[in-house]
Amino acid sequence: MGFFGKIKSGLKQGLAKTVSILNTDVRDLFKSEGRLVDEAFCDELFEVLVKTDMGVAAAQEAADQVRKDFRGRVVERDAIIGVVKEKLKTLMAQDDTPLRFAEKGPAVWLVCGVNGCGKTTSIAKLGKLYAAQGKKIVLGAADTFRAAAVDQLKIWAERLGLEIVTGPPQSDPASVAHKAAARAVETGADLCIIDTAGRLQTNKNLMNELEKIKRVVQKMIPDAPHESILVLDATMGQNGLSQARLFTESAACTGIFLTKLDGTARGGAVAAIRKEVGLPVKYVGMGESADDIVVFNPGEFVDAMFENLD
């Protein structure tokens, strides 16, 4: 299967639960001869869209567009779906800028997110993807307070043939990050990906720790970090919005890696993130293997959400 075929297949599988909800609920809105677009219909459509966790604001905009275009008319399902899809594509639109590398020397990407969001596996996916493109990569295991996180990253590094820098358990995460950046410079690596501690978005001390990591890395590589990637669990739905807002404010995140999309019916959460937070979604994780990663494309994503509904 080619690259774009893999993206389409991965999205289709990952959004299967979202598609199932939309297919059932949208179908139930219509009779065989169509449906009058009135206030009751728009309210029902709004409720269906909210079920996908796209957020009240995005769902309301989509329902309002249907109201504006078809109010007082009897329409078929395909016409409604077409309008909703175009509105969602507009709401999710973003620059397709790839993750940033350094003009000279190694790039540094910090990866953050709460415990259990799939952060370590996401790092492995990024590592494998860019190693396959010929990039020399160093991983930094700066989540030193969770031995399991370090062990998991070490296993992935060995499996993928990537160099990894670790420190003693409970050691200063900033020290490990500094060592990883120094190793990347020493070996002429293209990329240093640093795993940071899983942290609750309300924990100010841990947010301060992330700032310290940035400062020490900048001593080795002045323009680092080149990206600060927030890993978000798609199954958390609207809770993910709270995380995204606070991490963006506190950690100056530059993009999102959305995980566990294959385990949720909340695929619409991407619309809420794009509308209410504004961070671009760079990659989507569709499973547990290191190959289960696809570049996020808003148009393809919305089309996959409404697969077989046209």
Protein backbone atom coordinates (compact mmCIF):
# COMPACT_ATOMS: atom_id res chain seq x y z
CA MET A 1 0.00 0.00 0.00
CA GLY A 2 1.35 3.43 -0.94
CA PHE A 3 1.78 6.27 1.53
CA PHE A 4 -1.49 8.02 0.67
CA GLY A 5 -3.29 4.71 0.59
CA LYS A 6 -2.00 4.06 4.11
CA ILE A 7 -3.30 7.45 5.27
CA LYS A 8 -6.76 6.78 3.85
CA SER A 9 -6.87 3.26 5.29
CA GLY A 10 -5.60 4.43 8.67
CA LEU A 11 -8.14 7.23 8.92
CA LYS A 12 -10.96 4.93 7.90
CA GLN A 13 -10.04 2.39 10.59
CA GLY A 14 -9.31 5.01 13.23
CA LEU A 15 -12.59 6.83 12.74
CA ALA A 16 -14.76 3.70 12.48
CA LYS A 17 -16.57 4.39 15.78
CA THR A 18 -17.20 8.03 14.91
CA VAL A 19 -18.51 7.00 11.50
CA SER A 20 -20.81 4.44 13.11
CA ILE A 21 -22.43 7.06 15.36
CA LEU A 22 -22.85 9.55 12.54
CA ASN A 23 -24.19 6.91 10.17
CA THR A 24 -26.86 5.78 12.62
CA ASP A 25 -27.87 9.14 14.05
CA VAL A 26 -27.81 11.16 10.85
CA ARG A 27 -29.80 8.47 9.06
CA ASP A 28 -32.40 8.60 11.81
CA LEU A 29 -32.92 12.33 11.19
CA PHE A 30 -34.40 11.67 7.77
CA LYS A 31 -37.41 10.02 6.26
CA SER A 32 -37.19 8.45 2.84
CA GLU A 33 -38.68 11.54 1.18
CA GLY A 34 -36.38 14.02 2.94
CA ARG A 35 -36.88 16.30 5.92
CA LEU A 36 -38.10 19.84 6.45
CA VAL A 37 -35.29 22.03 7.78
CA ASP A 38 -36.91 23.80 10.73
CA GLU A 39 -35.78 24.64 14.26
CA ALA A 40 -36.52 21.13 15.52
CA PHE A 41 -34.38 19.58 12.78
CA CYS A 42 -31.46 21.97 13.40
CA ASP A 43 -31.59 21.23 17.11
CA GLU A 44 -31.50 17.48 16.44
CA LEU A 45 -28.60 17.87 14.01
CA PHE A 46 -26.71 19.91 16.60
CA GLU A 47 -27.16 17.13 19.18
CA VAL A 48 -25.86 14.50 16.75
CA LEU A 49 -22.75 16.52 16.00
CA VAL A 50 -22.06 17.19 19.68
CA LYS A 51 -21.96 13.40 20.24
CA THR A 52 -18.73 13.29 18.22
CA ASP A 53 -17.23 15.69 20.79
CA MET A 54 -16.58 18.46 18.28
CA GLY A 55 -17.68 20.95 20.93
CA VAL A 56 -20.71 23.17 21.25
CA ALA A 57 -19.22 26.04 19.24
CA ALA A 58 -18.24 23.96 16.19
CA ALA A 59 -21.49 21.94 16.23
CA GLN A 60 -23.50 25.15 16.49
CA GLU A 61 -21.70 26.72 13.54
CA ALA A 62 -22.40 23.65 11.41
CA ALA A 63 -26.09 23.58 12.41
CA ASP A 64 -26.38 27.34 11.82
CA GLN A 65 -24.94 26.95 8.32
CA VAL A 66 -27.57 24.31 7.53
CA ARG A 67 -30.26 26.62 8.91
CA LYS A 68 -29.01 29.49 6.76
CA ASP A 69 -28.78 27.45 3.56
CA PHE A 70 -31.95 25.32 3.78
CA ARG A 71 -34.41 26.83 6.27
CA GLY A 72 -38.01 26.09 5.26
CA ARG A 73 -36.99 23.61 2.55
CA VAL A 74 -37.39 19.84 2.38
CA VAL A 75 -33.93 18.40 1.70
CA GLU A 76 -32.27 15.03 1.35
CA ARG A 77 -29.53 13.80 3.63
CA ASP A 78 -26.74 14.24 1.06
CA ALA A 79 -27.31 17.99 0.86
CA ILE A 80 -27.09 18.38 4.63
CA ILE A 81 -23.96 16.24 4.88
CA GLY A 82 -22.29 18.28 2.15
CA VAL A 83 -22.85 21.55 4.02
CA VAL A 84 -21.70 20.11 7.36
CA LYS A 85 -18.55 18.70 5.79
CA GLU A 86 -17.61 21.99 4.15
CA LYS A 87 -18.16 23.89 7.40
CA LEU A 88 -16.00 21.43 9.34
CA LYS A 89 -13.25 21.60 6.74
CA THR A 90 -13.27 25.38 7.13
CA LEU A 91 -13.14 25.13 10.93
CA MET A 92 -10.28 22.60 10.83
CA ALA A 93 -8.28 24.40 8.15
CA GLN A 94 -4.63 24.93 9.05
CA ASP A 95 -1.28 25.57 7.43
CA ASP A 96 0.31 22.31 6.32
CA THR A 97 3.72 23.33 7.66
CA PRO A 98 5.75 20.25 8.60
CA LEU A 99 7.50 19.89 11.93
CA ARG A 100 10.46 22.26 12.01
CA PHE A 101 14.13 21.25 11.77
CA ALA A 102 17.14 23.44 12.54
CA GLU A 103 18.83 25.33 9.74
CA LYS A 104 22.15 24.11 11.13
CA GLY A 105 22.88 21.34 13.62
CA PRO A 106 20.35 19.20 15.44
CA ALA A 107 16.72 20.17 15.93
CA VAL A 108 15.18 19.64 19.36
CA TRP A 109 11.57 18.59 19.82
CA LEU A 110 10.11 18.51 23.33
CA VAL A 111 7.16 16.17 23.79
CA CYS A 112 4.72 16.78 26.64
CA GLY A 113 1.33 15.54 27.81
CA VAL A 114 -0.41 13.98 30.80
CA ASN A 115 0.36 10.45 31.97
CA GLY A 116 -1.39 7.81 29.91
CA CYS A 117 -1.89 9.91 26.78
CA GLY A 118 0.37 7.71 24.64
CA LYS A 119 3.38 10.03 24.75
CA THR A 120 6.14 7.40 24.68
CA THR A 121 4.59 5.46 21.82
CA SER A 122 4.09 8.71 19.90
CA ILE A 123 7.81 9.48 20.27
CA ALA A 124 8.61 6.03 18.91
CA LYS A 125 6.34 6.65 15.92
CA LEU A 126 7.99 10.00 15.18
CA GLY A 127 11.43 8.43 15.60
CA LYS A 128 10.72 5.62 13.18
CA LEU A 129 9.06 7.92 10.64
CA TYR A 130 11.98 10.34 10.46
CA ALA A 131 14.67 7.67 10.74
CA ALA A 132 13.11 6.09 7.65
CA GLN A 133 13.67 9.45 5.93
CA GLY A 134 17.39 9.20 6.66
CA LYS A 135 17.49 11.38 9.77
CA LYS A 136 19.95 10.56 12.55
CA ILE A 137 17.99 10.69 15.81
CA VAL A 138 18.80 10.83 19.52
CA LEU A 139 16.07 10.25 22.10
CA GLY A 140 16.17 11.83 25.56
CA ALA A 141 14.33 10.01 28.38
CA ALA A 142 13.67 12.98 30.66
CA ASP A 143 10.58 11.46 32.30
CA THR A 144 12.89 10.30 35.09
CA PHE A 145 10.29 10.00 37.85
CA ARG A 146 8.49 7.13 36.11
CA ALA A 147 10.80 4.17 35.67
CA ALA A 148 8.23 2.51 33.42
CA ALA A 149 8.34 5.46 31.01
CA VAL A 150 12.13 5.27 30.72
CA ASP A 151 12.05 1.49 30.29
CA GLN A 152 9.38 1.71 27.63
CA LEU A 153 11.32 4.31 25.66
CA LYS A 154 14.50 2.21 25.95
CA ILE A 155 12.66 -0.80 24.54
CA TRP A 156 11.38 1.27 21.63
CA ALA A 157 14.84 2.73 20.97
CA GLU A 158 16.42 -0.73 20.89
CA ARG A 159 13.66 -2.08 18.67
CA LEU A 160 13.97 0.81 16.21
CA GLY A 161 17.76 1.13 16.33
CA LEU A 162 17.72 4.66 17.78
CA GLU A 163 20.23 6.08 20.23
CA ILE A 164 18.82 7.02 23.63
CA VAL A 165 20.17 9.06 26.55
CA THR A 166 18.90 8.23 30.04
CA GLY A 167 19.68 9.18 33.62
CA PRO A 168 19.38 7.58 37.05
CA PRO A 169 15.84 7.16 38.43
CA GLN A 170 14.55 10.33 40.10
CA SER A 171 17.37 12.39 38.58
CA ASP A 172 16.89 15.95 37.36
CA PRO A 173 14.94 15.80 34.06
CA ALA A 174 16.69 18.95 32.84
CA SER A 175 20.05 17.21 33.29
CA VAL A 176 18.96 14.33 31.05
CA ALA A 177 17.62 16.77 28.47
CA HIS A 178 20.95 18.63 28.48
CA LYS A 179 22.87 15.34 28.04
CA ALA A 180 20.61 14.34 25.15
CA ALA A 181 21.09 17.68 23.41
CA ALA A 182 24.86 17.47 23.96
CA ARG A 183 24.92 13.94 22.52
CA ALA A 184 22.95 15.11 19.47
CA VAL A 185 25.53 17.84 18.86
CA GLU A 186 28.45 15.47 19.47
CA THR A 187 27.20 12.81 17.03
CA GLY A 188 25.99 15.22 14.36
CA ALA A 189 22.39 14.09 14.76
CA ASP A 190 19.60 15.75 12.82
CA LEU A 191 17.02 15.49 15.57
CA CYS A 192 16.81 15.14 19.34
CA ILE A 193 13.38 14.14 20.65
CA ILE A 194 13.02 14.65 24.40
CA ASP A 195 10.34 12.91 26.44
CA THR A 196 9.21 15.07 29.36
CA ALA A 197 7.36 14.01 32.49
CA GLY A 198 3.67 13.29 32.20
CA ARG A 199 2.15 16.19 34.04
CA LEU A 200 -1.26 17.41 35.06
CA GLN A 201 -2.06 20.70 33.39
CA THR A 202 -2.81 22.30 36.78
CA ASN A 203 0.55 21.46 38.36
CA LYS A 204 2.57 24.68 38.32
CA ASN A 205 5.76 23.07 39.62
CA LEU A 206 5.85 20.60 36.77
CA MET A 207 5.20 23.36 34.26
CA ASN A 208 8.16 25.24 35.78
CA GLU A 209 10.22 22.08 35.30
CA LEU A 210 9.43 22.16 31.59
CA GLU A 211 10.65 25.75 31.42
CA LYS A 212 13.90 24.64 33.09
CA ILE A 213 14.35 21.91 30.47
CA LYS A 214 14.00 24.53 27.74
CA ARG A 215 16.62 26.77 29.38
CA VAL A 216 19.27 24.08 29.78
CA VAL A 217 18.76 22.74 26.26
CA GLN A 218 19.21 26.25 24.89
CA LYS A 219 22.68 26.35 26.45
CA MET A 220 23.68 23.63 23.97
CA ILE A 221 21.43 24.62 21.06
CA PRO A 222 20.46 28.31 21.29
CA ASP A 223 17.36 28.23 19.06
CA ALA A 224 15.90 25.11 20.70
CA PRO A 225 13.31 23.80 21.11
CA HIS A 226 12.27 23.92 17.48
CA GLU A 227 8.96 22.24 18.31
CA SER A 228 7.02 21.63 21.53
CA ILE A 229 4.60 18.84 20.73
CA LEU A 230 1.53 18.26 22.88
CA VAL A 231 0.30 14.67 22.88
CA LEU A 232 -3.47 14.50 23.38
CA ASP A 233 -5.56 11.40 23.95
CA ALA A 234 -8.58 11.50 21.61
CA THR A 235 -10.62 9.37 24.04
CA MET A 236 -10.57 12.20 26.59
CA GLY A 237 -12.84 14.33 24.44
CA GLN A 238 -13.63 17.72 25.91
CA ASN A 239 -11.14 17.16 28.74
CA GLY A 240 -8.51 17.32 26.03
CA LEU A 241 -9.54 20.91 25.32
CA SER A 242 -8.70 21.96 28.86
CA GLN A 243 -5.31 20.26 28.55
CA ALA A 244 -4.61 21.85 25.20
CA ARG A 245 -5.43 25.36 26.38
CA LEU A 246 -3.34 25.20 29.54
CA PHE A 247 -0.38 23.40 28.00
CA THR A 248 -0.37 25.87 25.12
CA GLU A 249 -0.28 28.78 27.55
CA SER A 250 2.28 27.26 29.92
CA ALA A 251 4.53 25.27 27.61
CA ALA A 252 4.30 27.30 24.39
CA CYS A 253 3.22 24.23 22.44
CA THR A 254 3.53 24.46 18.67
CA GLY A 255 1.54 21.44 17.51
CA ILE A 256 -0.51 18.42 18.52
CA PHE A 257 -0.02 14.68 18.13
CA LEU A 258 -3.49 13.16 18.56
CA THR A 259 -3.45 9.58 19.87
CA LYS A 260 -5.86 6.67 20.35
CA LEU A 261 -8.22 7.83 17.64
CA ASP A 262 -8.94 4.19 16.84
CA GLY A 263 -10.50 3.73 20.28
CA THR A 264 -13.07 6.53 20.31
CA ALA A 265 -16.28 7.78 18.76
CA ARG A 266 -15.09 11.33 19.44
CA GLY A 267 -13.31 12.08 16.19
CA GLY A 268 -15.01 15.47 16.10
CA ALA A 269 -12.79 16.62 18.97
CA VAL A 270 -10.28 17.78 16.36
CA ALA A 271 -12.76 20.46 15.27
CA ALA A 272 -13.06 21.72 18.84
CA ILE A 273 -9.28 21.80 19.28
CA ARG A 274 -8.75 23.71 16.05
CA LYS A 275 -11.54 26.20 16.74
CA GLU A 276 -10.99 26.84 20.44
CA VAL A 277 -7.24 26.34 20.87
CA GLY A 278 -5.81 27.06 17.45
CA LEU A 279 -2.88 24.66 17.60
CA PRO A 280 -2.30 22.72 14.38
CA VAL A 281 -2.72 18.96 14.54
CA LYS A 282 0.46 17.58 13.01
CA TYR A 283 0.05 13.81 13.32
CA VAL A 284 -2.59 11.29 14.30
CA GLY A 285 -1.91 7.94 15.95
CA MET A 286 -4.14 5.10 14.77
CA GLY A 287 -2.88 2.10 16.75
CA GLU A 288 -0.14 0.62 18.90
CA SER A 289 2.58 -0.17 16.37
CA ALA A 290 5.32 2.28 15.39
CA ASP A 291 3.89 2.38 11.86
CA ASP A 292 0.43 3.56 12.98
CA ILE A 293 1.00 7.24 12.30
CA VAL A 294 -0.54 9.47 9.64
CA VAL A 295 -0.04 13.10 8.72
CA PHE A 296 -3.13 15.09 9.63
CA ASN A 297 -4.96 16.54 6.64
CA PRO A 298 -8.24 18.36 7.48
CA GLY A 299 -9.99 17.53 4.21
CA GLU A 300 -9.14 13.84 4.31
CA PHE A 301 -10.04 13.70 7.99
CA VAL A 302 -13.52 15.17 7.52
CA ASP A 303 -14.17 12.95 4.50
CA ALA A 304 -13.22 9.92 6.61
CA MET A 305 -15.57 11.05 9.43
CA PHE A 306 -18.47 10.98 7.01
CA GLU A 307 -17.39 7.84 5.11
CA ASN A 308 -20.40 6.21 3.41
CA LEU A 309 -22.69 9.10 4.44
CA ASP A 310 -22.51 11.01 1.16
